[in-house]
C-alpha atoms as a PDB file:
ATOM      1  CA  UNK A   1     183.203 221.662  26.567  1.00  0.00           C
ATOM      2  CA  UNK A   2     186.834 220.499  28.125  1.00  0.00           C
ATOM      3  CA  UNK A   3     184.435 217.878  30.320  1.00  0.00           C
ATOM      4  CA  UNK A   4     183.596 216.831  26.009  1.00  0.00           C
ATOM      5  CA  UNK A   5     186.496 216.954  24.958  1.00  0.00           C
ATOM      6  CA  UNK A   6     187.607 214.358  27.878  1.00  0.00           C
ATOM      7  CA  UNK A   7     186.837 211.561  25.240  1.00  0.00           C
ATOM      8  CA  UNK A   8     190.013 211.477  22.720  1.00  0.00           C
ATOM      9  CA  UNK A   9     189.319 208.715  19.766  1.00  0.00           C
ATOM     10  CA  UNK A  10     190.852 208.450  16.627  1.00  0.00           C
ATOM     11  CA  UNK A  11     187.551 207.180  15.323  1.00  0.00           C
ATOM     12  CA  UNK A  12     184.374 208.741  14.385  1.00  0.00           C
ATOM     13  CA  UNK A  13     182.843 207.635  17.409  1.00  0.00           C
ATOM     14  CA  UNK A  14     184.026 210.726  18.928  1.00  0.00           C
ATOM     15  CA  UNK A  15     181.078 213.150  18.279  1.00  0.00           C
ATOM     16  CA  UNK A  16     178.331 210.788  18.732  1.00  0.00           C
ATOM     17  CA  UNK A  17     179.675 209.645  22.042  1.00  0.00           C
ATOM     18  CA  UNK A  18     179.919 213.655  23.023  1.00  0.00           C
ATOM     19  CA  UNK A  19     176.030 213.646  21.990  1.00  0.00           C
ATOM     20  CA  UNK A  20     175.210 210.972  23.540  1.00  0.00           C
ATOM     21  CA  UNK A  21     176.737 212.457  27.018  1.00  0.00           C
ATOM     22  CA  UNK A  22     175.239 216.113  26.389  1.00  0.00           C
ATOM     23  CA  UNK A  23     172.247 213.829  26.291  1.00  0.00           C
ATOM     24  CA  UNK A  24     172.129 211.543  28.961  1.00  0.00           C
ATOM     25  CA  UNK A  25     173.044 214.389  31.152  1.00  0.00           C
ATOM     26  CA  UNK A  26     170.117 217.240  30.210  1.00  0.00           C
ATOM     27  CA  UNK A  27     172.098 219.700  31.476  1.00  0.00           C
ATOM     28  CA  UNK A  28     173.317 218.335  34.648  1.00  0.00           C
ATOM     29  CA  UNK A  29     176.944 218.641  34.792  1.00  0.00           C
ATOM     30  CA  UNK A  30     177.325 216.712  37.747  1.00  0.00           C
ATOM     31  CA  UNK A  31     175.918 213.404  34.687  1.00  0.00           C
ATOM     32  CA  UNK A  32     178.281 215.264  32.617  1.00  0.00           C
ATOM     33  CA  UNK A  33     181.248 214.665  33.925  1.00  0.00           C
ATOM     34  CA  UNK A  34     179.994 210.758  35.312  1.00  0.00           C
ATOM     35  CA  UNK A  35     178.809 209.594  31.973  1.00  0.00           C
ATOM     36  CA  UNK A  36     181.767 211.678  30.451  1.00  0.00           C
ATOM     37  CA  UNK A  37     184.085 208.308  32.766  1.00  0.00           C
ATOM     38  CA  UNK A  38     182.009 205.714  31.579  1.00  0.00           C
ATOM     39  CA  UNK A  39     182.138 207.081  28.566  1.00  0.00           C
ATOM     40  CA  UNK A  40     186.012 206.503  28.652  1.00  0.00           C
ATOM     41  CA  UNK A  41     185.288 202.764  30.589  1.00  0.00           C
ATOM     42  CA  UNK A  42     182.923 202.213  27.911  1.00  0.00           C
ATOM     43  CA  UNK A  43     181.773 204.156  24.713  1.00  0.00           C
ATOM     44  CA  UNK A  44     179.011 201.799  24.420  1.00  0.00           C
ATOM     45  CA  UNK A  45     177.147 202.239  27.920  1.00  0.00           C
ATOM     46  CA  UNK A  46     176.941 205.804  26.916  1.00  0.00           C
ATOM     47  CA  UNK A  47     175.816 205.757  22.987  1.00  0.00           C
ATOM     48  CA  UNK A  48     173.029 202.773  24.314  1.00  0.00           C
ATOM     49  CA  UNK A  49     171.594 204.039  26.617  1.00  0.00           C
ATOM     50  CA  UNK A  50     171.730 206.958  24.869  1.00  0.00           C
ATOM     51  CA  UNK A  51     170.031 206.000  21.350  1.00  0.00           C
ATOM     52  CA  UNK A  52     168.296 203.189  22.708  1.00  0.00           C
ATOM     53  CA  UNK A  53     167.033 203.464  25.903  1.00  0.00           C
ATOM     54  CA  UNK A  54     163.858 201.720  25.936  1.00  0.00           C
ATOM     55  CA  UNK A  55     165.479 199.005  23.910  1.00  0.00           C
ATOM     56  CA  UNK A  56     168.521 198.270  26.542  1.00  0.00           C
ATOM     57  CA  UNK A  57     165.628 198.136  29.262  1.00  0.00           C
ATOM     58  CA  UNK A  58     162.780 196.313  27.520  1.00  0.00           C
ATOM     59  CA  UNK A  59     164.892 193.392  25.433  1.00  0.00           C
ATOM     60  CA  UNK A  60     168.455 193.690  25.544  1.00  0.00           C
ATOM     61  CA  UNK A  61     169.189 189.569  24.658  1.00  0.00           C
ATOM     62  CA  UNK A  62     165.827 188.264  25.385  1.00  0.00           C
ATOM     63  CA  UNK A  63     163.667 186.188  22.976  1.00  0.00           C
ATOM     64  CA  UNK A  64     161.336 188.455  20.733  1.00  0.00           C
ATOM     65  CA  UNK A  65     159.494 188.375  17.411  1.00  0.00           C
ATOM     66  CA  UNK A  66     161.451 190.310  14.815  1.00  0.00           C
ATOM     67  CA  UNK A  67     158.434 193.095  14.281  1.00  0.00           C
ATOM     68  CA  UNK A  68     158.543 194.036  18.144  1.00  0.00           C
ATOM     69  CA  UNK A  69     161.990 194.127  18.231  1.00  0.00           C
ATOM     70  CA  UNK A  70     162.146 196.288  15.535  1.00  0.00           C
ATOM     71  CA  UNK A  71     159.287 198.296  16.463  1.00  0.00           C
ATOM     72  CA  UNK A  72     161.050 199.478  19.864  1.00  0.00           C
ATOM     73  CA  UNK A  73     164.034 200.358  17.437  1.00  0.00           C
ATOM     74  CA  UNK A  74     162.589 202.667  15.637  1.00  0.00           C
ATOM     75  CA  UNK A  75     160.480 204.266  18.632  1.00  0.00           C
ATOM     76  CA  UNK A  76     163.738 204.800  20.467  1.00  0.00           C
ATOM     77  CA  UNK A  77     165.223 206.438  17.305  1.00  0.00           C
ATOM     78  CA  UNK A  78     162.903 208.972  16.736  1.00  0.00           C
ATOM     79  CA  UNK A  79     163.044 209.788  20.748  1.00  0.00           C
ATOM     80  CA  UNK A  80     166.768 210.481  19.706  1.00  0.00           C
ATOM     81  CA  UNK A  81     165.880 212.178  16.892  1.00  0.00           C
ATOM     82  CA  UNK A  82     163.609 214.381  18.335  1.00  0.00           C
ATOM     83  CA  UNK A  83     165.625 215.367  21.065  1.00  0.00           C
ATOM     84  CA  UNK A  84     168.728 215.944  18.310  1.00  0.00           C
ATOM     85  CA  UNK A  85     165.960 218.135  17.153  1.00  0.00           C
ATOM     86  CA  UNK A  86     164.493 220.042  19.511  1.00  0.00           C
END
């Protein structure tokens, strides 16, 4: 909890960032610390990696059909929801 409390933000994104860091750490304290440092530099990096892993790996800024883009986003959201509910 102390590592998670290192992320201080006035915005409503604090919980979202903390969840992203937890997901990326996958139970590893060393990874938790590393991802927290990344979040403190730019929180968007951990949110993207946690919430949209396939999108960030396979699509990013590449020009792809809208339908494929949405399919990948939907798939990423399903995997994130699955992680949250387990």
